Amino acid sequence: MYEPDGSIVGAIHVRSGAWSITEADIAVKWDKDEQRVGLFVFGVLTAAFDAETGARCGGRHGEDFNAEIPWS
């Protein structure tokens, strides 16, 4: 997630190591309320930031890799 000045304010670790993936396999989208921004890998929501609260979900953040990610 970025501040308006371009500085990074947070990150979600998704994966380490070699991964056979291309730019076409990845999409970044906002939810309908423009509150959360999500990372979709192979069409699956993999991680998300809540822009209002700064909460991070998914990826390897926290203990449950397959945690449900809130999305609307």
C-alpha atoms as a PDB file:
ATOM      1  CA  MET A   1       0.000   0.000   0.000  1.00  0.00           C
ATOM      2  CA  TYR A   2       1.280   3.492  -0.857  1.00  0.00           C
ATOM      3  CA  GLU A   3       0.845   6.982   0.543  1.00  0.00           C
ATOM      4  CA  PRO A   4      -0.070   9.750  -1.943  1.00  0.00           C
ATOM      5  CA  ASP A   5       3.602  10.762  -2.017  1.00  0.00           C
ATOM      6  CA  GLY A   6       4.518   7.252  -3.231  1.00  0.00           C
ATOM      7  CA  SER A   7       6.015   5.962   0.020  1.00  0.00           C
ATOM      8  CA  ILE A   8       5.261   2.375   1.047  1.00  0.00           C
ATOM      9  CA  VAL A   9       3.243   2.097   4.265  1.00  0.00           C
ATOM     10  CA  GLY A  10       2.736  -1.670   4.454  1.00  0.00           C
ATOM     11  CA  ALA A  11       3.395  -5.023   2.843  1.00  0.00           C
ATOM     12  CA  ILE A  12       2.027  -8.561   2.883  1.00  0.00           C
ATOM     13  CA  HIS A  13       4.415 -11.473   2.369  1.00  0.00           C
ATOM     14  CA  VAL A  14       2.811 -13.756  -0.199  1.00  0.00           C
ATOM     15  CA  ARG A  15       5.543 -16.178  -1.208  1.00  0.00           C
ATOM     16  CA  SER A  16       9.309 -16.692  -1.228  1.00  0.00           C
ATOM     17  CA  GLY A  17      11.442 -18.508  -3.752  1.00  0.00           C
ATOM     18  CA  ALA A  18      11.024 -19.334  -7.420  1.00  0.00           C
ATOM     19  CA  TRP A  19       7.489 -19.150  -8.780  1.00  0.00           C
ATOM     20  CA  SER A  20       6.431 -19.728 -12.364  1.00  0.00           C
ATOM     21  CA  ILE A  21       4.149 -16.710 -12.682  1.00  0.00           C
ATOM     22  CA  THR A  22       3.723 -13.896 -15.175  1.00  0.00           C
ATOM     23  CA  GLU A  23       2.282 -10.403 -15.013  1.00  0.00           C
ATOM     24  CA  ALA A  24      -0.871 -11.762 -16.693  1.00  0.00           C
ATOM     25  CA  ASP A  25      -1.406 -14.062 -13.679  1.00  0.00           C
ATOM     26  CA  ILE A  26      -1.651 -11.129 -11.251  1.00  0.00           C
ATOM     27  CA  ALA A  27      -4.313  -8.436 -10.775  1.00  0.00           C
ATOM     28  CA  VAL A  28      -4.728  -5.668  -8.203  1.00  0.00           C
ATOM     29  CA  LYS A  29      -8.332  -4.558  -7.651  1.00  0.00           C
ATOM     30  CA  TRP A  30     -10.360  -2.374  -5.285  1.00  0.00           C
ATOM     31  CA  ASP A  31     -13.548  -3.725  -3.698  1.00  0.00           C
ATOM     32  CA  LYS A  32     -16.893  -2.082  -4.562  1.00  0.00           C
ATOM     33  CA  ASP A  33     -16.654   0.329  -1.609  1.00  0.00           C
ATOM     34  CA  GLU A  34     -13.039   1.247  -2.472  1.00  0.00           C
ATOM     35  CA  GLN A  35     -12.073   0.408   1.104  1.00  0.00           C
ATOM     36  CA  ARG A  36      -9.916  -2.663   0.417  1.00  0.00           C
ATOM     37  CA  VAL A  37      -7.352  -3.297  -2.266  1.00  0.00           C
ATOM     38  CA  GLY A  38      -6.720  -6.925  -3.127  1.00  0.00           C
ATOM     39  CA  LEU A  39      -4.038  -8.976  -4.818  1.00  0.00           C
ATOM     40  CA  PHE A  40      -5.471 -11.667  -7.073  1.00  0.00           C
ATOM     41  CA  VAL A  41      -3.133 -14.458  -8.197  1.00  0.00           C
ATOM     42  CA  PHE A  42      -4.463 -16.834 -10.855  1.00  0.00           C
ATOM     43  CA  GLY A  43      -7.886 -15.209 -10.296  1.00  0.00           C
ATOM     44  CA  VAL A  44      -7.937 -16.001  -6.558  1.00  0.00           C
ATOM     45  CA  LEU A  45      -7.931 -13.294  -3.880  1.00  0.00           C
ATOM     46  CA  THR A  46      -4.627 -13.957  -2.143  1.00  0.00           C
ATOM     47  CA  ALA A  47      -4.087 -10.885   0.047  1.00  0.00           C
ATOM     48  CA  ALA A  48      -5.804  -7.581   0.843  1.00  0.00           C
ATOM     49  CA  PHE A  49      -5.225  -4.275   2.624  1.00  0.00           C
ATOM     50  CA  ASP A  50      -7.980  -2.305   4.301  1.00  0.00           C
ATOM     51  CA  ALA A  51      -7.176   1.294   3.342  1.00  0.00           C
ATOM     52  CA  GLU A  52      -9.192   2.749   6.235  1.00  0.00           C
ATOM     53  CA  THR A  53      -7.833   0.637   9.098  1.00  0.00           C
ATOM     54  CA  GLY A  54      -4.503  -0.553   7.703  1.00  0.00           C
ATOM     55  CA  ALA A  55      -5.498  -4.176   8.441  1.00  0.00           C
ATOM     56  CA  ARG A  56      -3.745  -6.845   6.375  1.00  0.00           C
ATOM     57  CA  CYS A  57      -5.322 -10.164   5.408  1.00  0.00           C
ATOM     58  CA  GLY A  58      -4.110 -13.217   3.551  1.00  0.00           C
ATOM     59  CA  GLY A  59      -0.672 -14.011   2.229  1.00  0.00           C
ATOM     60  CA  ARG A  60       1.481 -15.451   4.960  1.00  0.00           C
ATOM     61  CA  HIS A  61       0.543 -12.614   7.321  1.00  0.00           C
ATOM     62  CA  GLY A  62      -0.539 -14.053  10.654  1.00  0.00           C
ATOM     63  CA  GLU A  63      -0.758 -17.740  11.444  1.00  0.00           C
ATOM     64  CA  ASP A  64      -3.373 -19.048   8.984  1.00  0.00           C
ATOM     65  CA  PHE A  65      -2.167 -19.018   5.370  1.00  0.00           C
ATOM     66  CA  ASN A  66      -5.700 -19.807   4.161  1.00  0.00           C
ATOM     67  CA  ALA A  67      -7.468 -17.230   6.328  1.00  0.00           C
ATOM     68  CA  GLU A  68     -10.711 -15.898   4.877  1.00  0.00           C
ATOM     69  CA  ILE A  69     -10.166 -12.466   3.379  1.00  0.00           C
ATOM     70  CA  PRO A  70     -13.029  -9.971   3.807  1.00  0.00           C
ATOM     71  CA  TRP A  71     -14.153  -8.635   0.445  1.00  0.00           C
ATOM     72  CA  SER A  72     -17.219  -6.907  -0.930  1.00  0.00           C
END
